[in-house]
Amino acid sequence: MKTFSSDAILDRLKEALQLPNDKELANTLGISKAAVSNWRKRNSIDLERVFSVCEQINIDWLLTGEDSKSNEELSSVANAELLGIAVPAIAEATVPVRFYEPEPSATFKEFCEGVNESPETINIIPEQSDQIDELSCVFKVSGDSMAPQIQNGAKVLCREVIPSRWHYVSKGVIAIVYDDRFVIKRVEKNCLDHIGNNYILLSSDNPEYPGTEKAYLGNIRCIFEVIRVISQRVY
């Protein structure tokens, strides 16, 4: 198991892009300066975001400072396969996980058609705390209702919650199919055990999507706990 420094990685990134400070780096990546500060503070970098903007950079050089800065010797596929890298802990081997690209508010029928077919897989490098098994999957996010933490186009590692444990989902972010829709939302309150209520209260992180919505027990089809964006923990 190897350990990598977010500070060193970000400094090398600024060097490669010839940027003077973190503010300019944030602008180039299309994120806030606070997000870059959090990457430094938590020692956790969203490498998928980095390489969506900077495909020409050699990922090995970015992580270790070794080899060439340029990615000319590497194929874009080679870098794509490494986008699941988690900082600071990088495992030695990748594992395949089911991969889905449901549209926001996709109908239950559309979602299930994708699930019933043989799904695609994506190779990720798990963090030490990840539990990867048959309940694990990755969804590609479409939409910005959970920005800034989960950006449009991000891939999120999820773990399916079996129905007998739905009432234990009391916090965090979930992917949920209910009322013939597929959405990713934050759990504000779980009232599934409350007599006469039986719903999960959901909200968006993006302030441009105010208000809450209720997913009633009788309309919930499936729930997935959102663990992290491929290279960044979700809180």
C-alpha atoms as a PDB file:
ATOM      1  CA  MET A   1       0.000   0.000   0.000  1.00  0.00           C
ATOM      2  CA  LYS A   2       1.417   3.389  -1.024  1.00  0.00           C
ATOM      3  CA  THR A   3       0.756   6.820   0.497  1.00  0.00           C
ATOM      4  CA  PHE A   4       0.640  10.019  -1.561  1.00  0.00           C
ATOM      5  CA  SER A   5       0.628  13.670  -0.527  1.00  0.00           C
ATOM      6  CA  SER A   6      -2.181  15.875  -1.799  1.00  0.00           C
ATOM      7  CA  ASP A   7       0.017  18.955  -1.349  1.00  0.00           C
ATOM      8  CA  ALA A   8       2.749  17.489  -3.561  1.00  0.00           C
ATOM      9  CA  ILE A   9       0.243  16.343  -6.203  1.00  0.00           C
ATOM     10  CA  LEU A  10      -1.462  19.748  -6.367  1.00  0.00           C
ATOM     11  CA  ASP A  11       1.881  21.543  -6.553  1.00  0.00           C
ATOM     12  CA  ARG A  12       2.974  19.304  -9.437  1.00  0.00           C
ATOM     13  CA  LEU A  13      -0.355  19.973 -11.143  1.00  0.00           C
ATOM     14  CA  LYS A  14       0.202  23.747 -10.907  1.00  0.00           C
ATOM     15  CA  GLU A  15       3.717  23.239 -12.262  1.00  0.00           C
ATOM     16  CA  ALA A  16       2.477  21.237 -15.256  1.00  0.00           C
ATOM     17  CA  LEU A  17      -0.242  23.787 -16.043  1.00  0.00           C
ATOM     18  CA  GLN A  18       2.035  26.753 -15.286  1.00  0.00           C
ATOM     19  CA  LEU A  19      -0.396  28.234 -12.781  1.00  0.00           C
ATOM     20  CA  PRO A  20       0.772  30.623 -10.022  1.00  0.00           C
ATOM     21  CA  ASN A  21      -1.610  29.685  -7.214  1.00  0.00           C
ATOM     22  CA  ASP A  22      -4.517  27.534  -6.006  1.00  0.00           C
ATOM     23  CA  LYS A  23      -7.089  30.086  -7.126  1.00  0.00           C
ATOM     24  CA  GLU A  24      -5.972  29.816 -10.755  1.00  0.00           C
ATOM     25  CA  LEU A  25      -5.846  26.033 -10.412  1.00  0.00           C
ATOM     26  CA  ALA A  26      -9.438  25.992  -9.146  1.00  0.00           C
ATOM     27  CA  ASN A  27     -10.561  28.183 -12.062  1.00  0.00           C
ATOM     28  CA  THR A  28      -8.863  25.850 -14.540  1.00  0.00           C
ATOM     29  CA  LEU A  29     -10.554  22.793 -13.001  1.00  0.00           C
ATOM     30  CA  GLY A  30     -13.940  24.520 -12.821  1.00  0.00           C
ATOM     31  CA  ILE A  31     -14.229  24.216  -9.044  1.00  0.00           C
ATOM     32  CA  SER A  32     -14.032  26.588  -6.089  1.00  0.00           C
ATOM     33  CA  LYS A  33     -10.805  27.518  -4.308  1.00  0.00           C
ATOM     34  CA  ALA A  34     -12.424  26.080  -1.166  1.00  0.00           C
ATOM     35  CA  ALA A  35     -12.646  22.692  -2.880  1.00  0.00           C
ATOM     36  CA  VAL A  36      -8.898  22.762  -3.578  1.00  0.00           C
ATOM     37  CA  SER A  37      -8.276  23.739   0.049  1.00  0.00           C
ATOM     38  CA  ASN A  38     -10.387  20.779   1.173  1.00  0.00           C
ATOM     39  CA  TRP A  39      -8.356  18.454  -1.050  1.00  0.00           C
ATOM     40  CA  ARG A  40      -5.221  19.630   0.737  1.00  0.00           C
ATOM     41  CA  LYS A  41      -6.811  19.438   4.168  1.00  0.00           C
ATOM     42  CA  ARG A  42      -8.344  15.960   3.717  1.00  0.00           C
ATOM     43  CA  ASN A  43      -5.477  14.586   1.616  1.00  0.00           C
ATOM     44  CA  SER A  44      -8.109  13.441  -0.891  1.00  0.00           C
ATOM     45  CA  ILE A  45      -8.192  14.557  -4.525  1.00  0.00           C
ATOM     46  CA  ASP A  46     -10.909  14.088  -7.149  1.00  0.00           C
ATOM     47  CA  LEU A  47      -8.588  12.741  -9.849  1.00  0.00           C
ATOM     48  CA  GLU A  48     -11.490  12.167 -12.216  1.00  0.00           C
ATOM     49  CA  ARG A  49     -12.092  15.927 -12.217  1.00  0.00           C
ATOM     50  CA  VAL A  50      -8.381  16.575 -12.741  1.00  0.00           C
ATOM     51  CA  PHE A  51      -8.012  14.260 -15.717  1.00  0.00           C
ATOM     52  CA  SER A  52     -11.265  15.337 -17.327  1.00  0.00           C
ATOM     53  CA  VAL A  53      -9.526  18.697 -17.798  1.00  0.00           C
ATOM     54  CA  CYS A  54      -5.861  17.652 -17.980  1.00  0.00           C
ATOM     55  CA  GLU A  55      -5.729  14.436 -20.021  1.00  0.00           C
ATOM     56  CA  GLN A  56      -2.234  15.254 -21.276  1.00  0.00           C
ATOM     57  CA  ILE A  57      -0.613  14.880 -17.847  1.00  0.00           C
ATOM     58  CA  ASN A  58       1.091  11.586 -16.978  1.00  0.00           C
ATOM     59  CA  ILE A  59      -0.754  10.224 -13.944  1.00  0.00           C
ATOM     60  CA  ASP A  60       2.341   8.397 -12.662  1.00  0.00           C
ATOM     61  CA  TRP A  61       4.329  11.641 -12.715  1.00  0.00           C
ATOM     62  CA  LEU A  62       1.502  13.535 -11.027  1.00  0.00           C
ATOM     63  CA  LEU A  63       1.319  11.019  -8.169  1.00  0.00           C
ATOM     64  CA  THR A  64       5.018  10.291  -7.674  1.00  0.00           C
ATOM     65  CA  GLY A  65       7.022  12.959  -9.481  1.00  0.00           C
ATOM     66  CA  GLU A  66       8.743  10.208 -11.485  1.00  0.00           C
ATOM     67  CA  ASP A  67       8.891   9.792 -15.277  1.00  0.00           C
ATOM     68  CA  SER A  68       7.765  12.474 -17.727  1.00  0.00           C
ATOM     69  CA  LYS A  69       5.106  15.098 -17.111  1.00  0.00           C
ATOM     70  CA  SER A  70       3.719  14.459 -20.564  1.00  0.00           C
ATOM     71  CA  ASN A  71       1.147  11.792 -21.235  1.00  0.00           C
ATOM     72  CA  GLU A  72       2.261  11.327 -24.843  1.00  0.00           C
ATOM     73  CA  GLU A  73       3.625   7.845 -24.133  1.00  0.00           C
ATOM     74  CA  LEU A  74       0.361   6.725 -22.560  1.00  0.00           C
ATOM     75  CA  SER A  75      -2.954   6.094 -24.257  1.00  0.00           C
ATOM     76  CA  SER A  76      -6.033   7.937 -23.014  1.00  0.00           C
ATOM     77  CA  VAL A  77      -7.446   4.515 -22.103  1.00  0.00           C
ATOM     78  CA  ALA A  78      -4.504   3.843 -19.795  1.00  0.00           C
ATOM     79  CA  ASN A  79      -5.179   7.033 -17.855  1.00  0.00           C
ATOM     80  CA  ALA A  80      -8.930   6.377 -17.812  1.00  0.00           C
ATOM     81  CA  GLU A  81      -8.360   3.030 -16.139  1.00  0.00           C
ATOM     82  CA  LEU A  82      -6.557   4.824 -13.309  1.00  0.00           C
ATOM     83  CA  LEU A  83      -9.249   7.422 -12.625  1.00  0.00           C
ATOM     84  CA  GLY A  84     -10.509   5.355  -9.719  1.00  0.00           C
ATOM     85  CA  ILE A  85      -7.330   6.037  -7.755  1.00  0.00           C
ATOM     86  CA  ALA A  86      -8.059   7.148  -4.198  1.00  0.00           C
ATOM     87  CA  VAL A  87      -5.699   9.452  -2.339  1.00  0.00           C
ATOM     88  CA  PRO A  88      -4.074   8.873   0.125  1.00  0.00           C
ATOM     89  CA  ALA A  89      -4.420   5.086   0.024  1.00  0.00           C
ATOM     90  CA  ILE A  90      -3.925   3.368  -3.309  1.00  0.00           C
ATOM     91  CA  ALA A  91      -4.440  -0.374  -3.462  1.00  0.00           C
ATOM     92  CA  GLU A  92      -2.220  -2.542  -5.591  1.00  0.00           C
ATOM     93  CA  ALA A  93      -5.003  -4.057  -7.728  1.00  0.00           C
ATOM     94  CA  THR A  94      -8.231  -2.913  -9.326  1.00  0.00           C
ATOM     95  CA  VAL A  95     -11.575  -4.641  -8.910  1.00  0.00           C
ATOM     96  CA  PRO A  96     -14.495  -4.653 -11.380  1.00  0.00           C
ATOM     97  CA  VAL A  97     -17.774  -3.088 -10.223  1.00  0.00           C
ATOM     98  CA  ARG A  98     -21.158  -2.889 -11.989  1.00  0.00           C
ATOM     99  CA  PHE A  99     -21.563   0.419 -13.802  1.00  0.00           C
ATOM    100  CA  TYR A 100     -24.801   2.235 -14.727  1.00  0.00           C
ATOM    101  CA  GLU A 101     -25.559   5.569 -16.397  1.00  0.00           C
ATOM    102  CA  PRO A 102     -29.210   6.317 -15.494  1.00  0.00           C
ATOM    103  CA  GLU A 103     -30.483   9.758 -16.389  1.00  0.00           C
ATOM    104  CA  PRO A 104     -31.784  11.944 -13.548  1.00  0.00           C
ATOM    105  CA  SER A 105     -35.462  11.218 -12.907  1.00  0.00           C
ATOM    106  CA  ALA A 106     -35.220   8.123 -15.100  1.00  0.00           C
ATOM    107  CA  THR A 107     -38.382   6.053 -14.815  1.00  0.00           C
ATOM    108  CA  PHE A 108     -38.339   2.842 -12.817  1.00  0.00           C
ATOM    109  CA  LYS A 109     -38.961   0.906 -16.047  1.00  0.00           C
ATOM    110  CA  GLU A 110     -35.946   2.501 -17.746  1.00  0.00           C
ATOM    111  CA  PHE A 111     -33.773   1.916 -14.697  1.00  0.00           C
ATOM    112  CA  CYS A 112     -34.781  -1.722 -14.357  1.00  0.00           C
ATOM    113  CA  GLU A 113     -34.238  -2.398 -18.050  1.00  0.00           C
ATOM    114  CA  GLY A 114     -30.645  -1.316 -17.545  1.00  0.00           C
ATOM    115  CA  VAL A 115     -30.292  -3.380 -14.378  1.00  0.00           C
ATOM    116  CA  ASN A 116     -31.773  -6.514 -15.895  1.00  0.00           C
ATOM    117  CA  GLU A 117     -29.416  -6.452 -18.852  1.00  0.00           C
ATOM    118  CA  SER A 118     -25.816  -7.539 -18.384  1.00  0.00           C
ATOM    119  CA  PRO A 119     -24.331  -4.343 -16.932  1.00  0.00           C
ATOM    120  CA  GLU A 120     -21.054  -2.803 -17.958  1.00  0.00           C
ATOM    121  CA  THR A 121     -18.260  -2.849 -15.404  1.00  0.00           C
ATOM    122  CA  ILE A 122     -15.703  -0.268 -14.346  1.00  0.00           C
ATOM    123  CA  ASN A 123     -12.368  -1.053 -12.702  1.00  0.00           C
ATOM    124  CA  ILE A 124     -11.703   0.891  -9.510  1.00  0.00           C
ATOM    125  CA  ILE A 125      -8.901   0.875  -6.982  1.00  0.00           C
ATOM    126  CA  PRO A 126     -10.632   0.548  -3.605  1.00  0.00           C
ATOM    127  CA  GLU A 127      -9.818   2.504  -0.498  1.00  0.00           C
ATOM    128  CA  GLN A 128      -9.048   0.577   2.673  1.00  0.00           C
ATOM    129  CA  SER A 129     -12.492   1.391   4.075  1.00  0.00           C
ATOM    130  CA  ASP A 130     -14.406   0.243   0.966  1.00  0.00           C
ATOM    131  CA  GLN A 131     -16.404  -2.964   1.110  1.00  0.00           C
ATOM    132  CA  ILE A 132     -16.607  -4.177  -2.475  1.00  0.00           C
ATOM    133  CA  ASP A 133     -18.950  -7.106  -3.157  1.00  0.00           C
ATOM    134  CA  GLU A 134     -22.052  -8.056  -5.149  1.00  0.00           C
ATOM    135  CA  LEU A 135     -23.985  -5.148  -3.590  1.00  0.00           C
ATOM    136  CA  SER A 136     -21.484  -2.600  -4.919  1.00  0.00           C
ATOM    137  CA  CYS A 137     -22.010  -0.576  -8.091  1.00  0.00           C
ATOM    138  CA  VAL A 138     -21.041   2.722  -9.709  1.00  0.00           C
ATOM    139  CA  PHE A 139     -23.508   5.286 -11.073  1.00  0.00           C
ATOM    140  CA  LYS A 140     -22.604   8.136 -13.386  1.00  0.00           C
ATOM    141  CA  VAL A 141     -24.273  11.328 -12.168  1.00  0.00           C
ATOM    142  CA  SER A 142     -26.191  13.484 -14.622  1.00  0.00           C
ATOM    143  CA  GLY A 143     -27.255  16.848 -13.239  1.00  0.00           C
ATOM    144  CA  ASP A 144     -25.953  19.277 -10.630  1.00  0.00           C
ATOM    145  CA  SER A 145     -28.506  19.073  -7.816  1.00  0.00           C
ATOM    146  CA  MET A 146     -25.818  17.672  -5.481  1.00  0.00           C
ATOM    147  CA  ALA A 147     -23.088  20.168  -6.473  1.00  0.00           C
ATOM    148  CA  PRO A 148     -20.561  21.254  -5.403  1.00  0.00           C
ATOM    149  CA  GLN A 149     -19.561  17.973  -3.746  1.00  0.00           C
ATOM    150  CA  ILE A 150     -20.962  15.725  -6.501  1.00  0.00           C
ATOM    151  CA  GLN A 151     -20.508  17.330  -9.888  1.00  0.00           C
ATOM    152  CA  ASN A 152     -22.369  16.631 -13.104  1.00  0.00           C
ATOM    153  CA  GLY A 153     -20.689  13.677 -14.825  1.00  0.00           C
ATOM    154  CA  ALA A 154     -19.077  12.325 -11.656  1.00  0.00           C
ATOM    155  CA  LYS A 155     -18.989   8.581 -11.054  1.00  0.00           C
ATOM    156  CA  VAL A 156     -20.074   7.568  -7.557  1.00  0.00           C
ATOM    157  CA  LEU A 157     -19.362   4.294  -5.812  1.00  0.00           C
ATOM    158  CA  CYS A 158     -22.533   2.996  -4.170  1.00  0.00           C
ATOM    159  CA  ARG A 159     -23.647   0.035  -2.094  1.00  0.00           C
ATOM    160  CA  GLU A 160     -27.179  -1.330  -2.334  1.00  0.00           C
ATOM    161  CA  VAL A 161     -29.180  -1.257   0.901  1.00  0.00           C
ATOM    162  CA  ILE A 162     -31.326  -4.365   1.344  1.00  0.00           C
ATOM    163  CA  PRO A 163     -35.010  -3.554   2.118  1.00  0.00           C
ATOM    164  CA  SER A 164     -34.843  -4.875   5.689  1.00  0.00           C
ATOM    165  CA  ARG A 165     -32.275  -2.152   6.458  1.00  0.00           C
ATOM    166  CA  TRP A 166     -33.938   0.808   4.741  1.00  0.00           C
ATOM    167  CA  HIS A 167     -35.128   2.201   8.078  1.00  0.00           C
ATOM    168  CA  TYR A 168     -31.494   2.443   9.284  1.00  0.00           C
ATOM    169  CA  VAL A 169     -30.576   4.914   6.530  1.00  0.00           C
ATOM    170  CA  SER A 170     -30.575   8.055   8.666  1.00  0.00           C
ATOM    171  CA  LYS A 171     -27.900  10.294   7.098  1.00  0.00           C
ATOM    172  CA  GLY A 172     -25.615  10.767   4.142  1.00  0.00           C
ATOM    173  CA  VAL A 173     -26.343  10.693   0.416  1.00  0.00           C
ATOM    174  CA  ILE A 174     -28.351   7.981  -1.315  1.00  0.00           C
ATOM    175  CA  ALA A 175     -29.340   6.971  -4.823  1.00  0.00           C
ATOM    176  CA  ILE A 176     -33.001   6.020  -4.672  1.00  0.00           C
ATOM    177  CA  VAL A 177     -35.678   4.809  -7.059  1.00  0.00           C
ATOM    178  CA  TYR A 178     -39.158   5.867  -5.950  1.00  0.00           C
ATOM    179  CA  ASP A 179     -42.345   7.243  -7.470  1.00  0.00           C
ATOM    180  CA  ASP A 180     -41.080   5.947 -10.835  1.00  0.00           C
ATOM    181  CA  ARG A 181     -37.947   8.141 -10.616  1.00  0.00           C
ATOM    182  CA  PHE A 182     -34.205   7.700 -10.076  1.00  0.00           C
ATOM    183  CA  VAL A 183     -32.522  10.476  -8.039  1.00  0.00           C
ATOM    184  CA  ILE A 184     -29.446  11.085  -5.897  1.00  0.00           C
ATOM    185  CA  LYS A 185     -30.296  13.086  -2.763  1.00  0.00           C
ATOM    186  CA  ARG A 186     -29.255  13.731   0.821  1.00  0.00           C
ATOM    187  CA  VAL A 187     -31.242  12.102   3.640  1.00  0.00           C
ATOM    188  CA  GLU A 188     -32.673  14.798   5.906  1.00  0.00           C
ATOM    189  CA  LYS A 189     -34.829  12.502   8.017  1.00  0.00           C
ATOM    190  CA  ASN A 190     -35.859   8.839   7.995  1.00  0.00           C
ATOM    191  CA  CYS A 191     -39.418   8.272   9.189  1.00  0.00           C
ATOM    192  CA  LEU A 192     -39.917   4.756   7.830  1.00  0.00           C
ATOM    193  CA  ASP A 193     -40.573   3.410  11.334  1.00  0.00           C
ATOM    194  CA  HIS A 194     -42.991   6.193  12.262  1.00  0.00           C
ATOM    195  CA  ILE A 195     -46.634   5.182  12.401  1.00  0.00           C
ATOM    196  CA  GLY A 196     -48.658   7.195   9.917  1.00  0.00           C
ATOM    197  CA  ASN A 197     -45.616   8.657   8.176  1.00  0.00           C
ATOM    198  CA  ASN A 198     -43.371   6.000   6.612  1.00  0.00           C
ATOM    199  CA  TYR A 199     -41.233   8.202   4.369  1.00  0.00           C
ATOM    200  CA  ILE A 200     -37.635   9.373   3.876  1.00  0.00           C
ATOM    201  CA  LEU A 201     -37.228  13.150   3.667  1.00  0.00           C
ATOM    202  CA  LEU A 202     -34.748  14.098   0.923  1.00  0.00           C
ATOM    203  CA  SER A 203     -32.972  17.293  -0.098  1.00  0.00           C
ATOM    204  CA  SER A 204     -30.385  18.591  -2.582  1.00  0.00           C
ATOM    205  CA  ASP A 205     -26.994  20.047  -1.621  1.00  0.00           C
ATOM    206  CA  ASN A 206     -27.109  22.673  -4.358  1.00  0.00           C
ATOM    207  CA  PRO A 207     -28.774  25.830  -2.935  1.00  0.00           C
ATOM    208  CA  GLU A 208     -30.307  26.433  -6.365  1.00  0.00           C
ATOM    209  CA  TYR A 209     -32.528  23.399  -5.657  1.00  0.00           C
ATOM    210  CA  PRO A 210     -34.248  24.427  -2.410  1.00  0.00           C
ATOM    211  CA  GLY A 211     -36.913  22.493  -0.588  1.00  0.00           C
ATOM    212  CA  THR A 212     -37.354  18.837   0.284  1.00  0.00           C
ATOM    213  CA  GLU A 213     -39.221  15.840  -1.068  1.00  0.00           C
ATOM    214  CA  LYS A 214     -40.659  12.723   0.529  1.00  0.00           C
ATOM    215  CA  ALA A 215     -40.080   9.171  -0.655  1.00  0.00           C
ATOM    216  CA  TYR A 216     -42.882   7.089   0.843  1.00  0.00           C
ATOM    217  CA  LEU A 217     -42.204   3.479   1.761  1.00  0.00           C
ATOM    218  CA  GLY A 218     -44.841   2.045  -0.572  1.00  0.00           C
ATOM    219  CA  ASN A 219     -43.235   3.805  -3.542  1.00  0.00           C
ATOM    220  CA  ILE A 220     -39.572   2.997  -2.844  1.00  0.00           C
ATOM    221  CA  ARG A 221     -38.128   0.400  -5.231  1.00  0.00           C
ATOM    222  CA  CYS A 222     -34.466   0.374  -4.216  1.00  0.00           C
ATOM    223  CA  ILE A 223     -31.917   2.379  -2.232  1.00  0.00           C
ATOM    224  CA  PHE A 224     -28.157   2.664  -2.665  1.00  0.00           C
ATOM    225  CA  GLU A 225     -25.825   4.302  -0.150  1.00  0.00           C
ATOM    226  CA  VAL A 226     -23.491   6.697  -1.956  1.00  0.00           C
ATOM    227  CA  ILE A 227     -20.022   6.007  -0.572  1.00  0.00           C
ATOM    228  CA  ARG A 228     -17.790   8.348  -2.538  1.00  0.00           C
ATOM    229  CA  VAL A 229     -17.044   9.916  -5.841  1.00  0.00           C
ATOM    230  CA  ILE A 230     -14.555   7.476  -7.346  1.00  0.00           C
ATOM    231  CA  SER A 231     -11.601   9.332  -5.837  1.00  0.00           C
ATOM    232  CA  GLN A 232     -13.226  11.306  -3.033  1.00  0.00           C
ATOM    233  CA  ARG A 233     -15.241  10.414   0.076  1.00  0.00           C
ATOM    234  CA  VAL A 234     -18.828  11.740   0.298  1.00  0.00           C
ATOM    235  CA  TYR A 235     -19.772  13.298   3.659  1.00  0.00           C
END
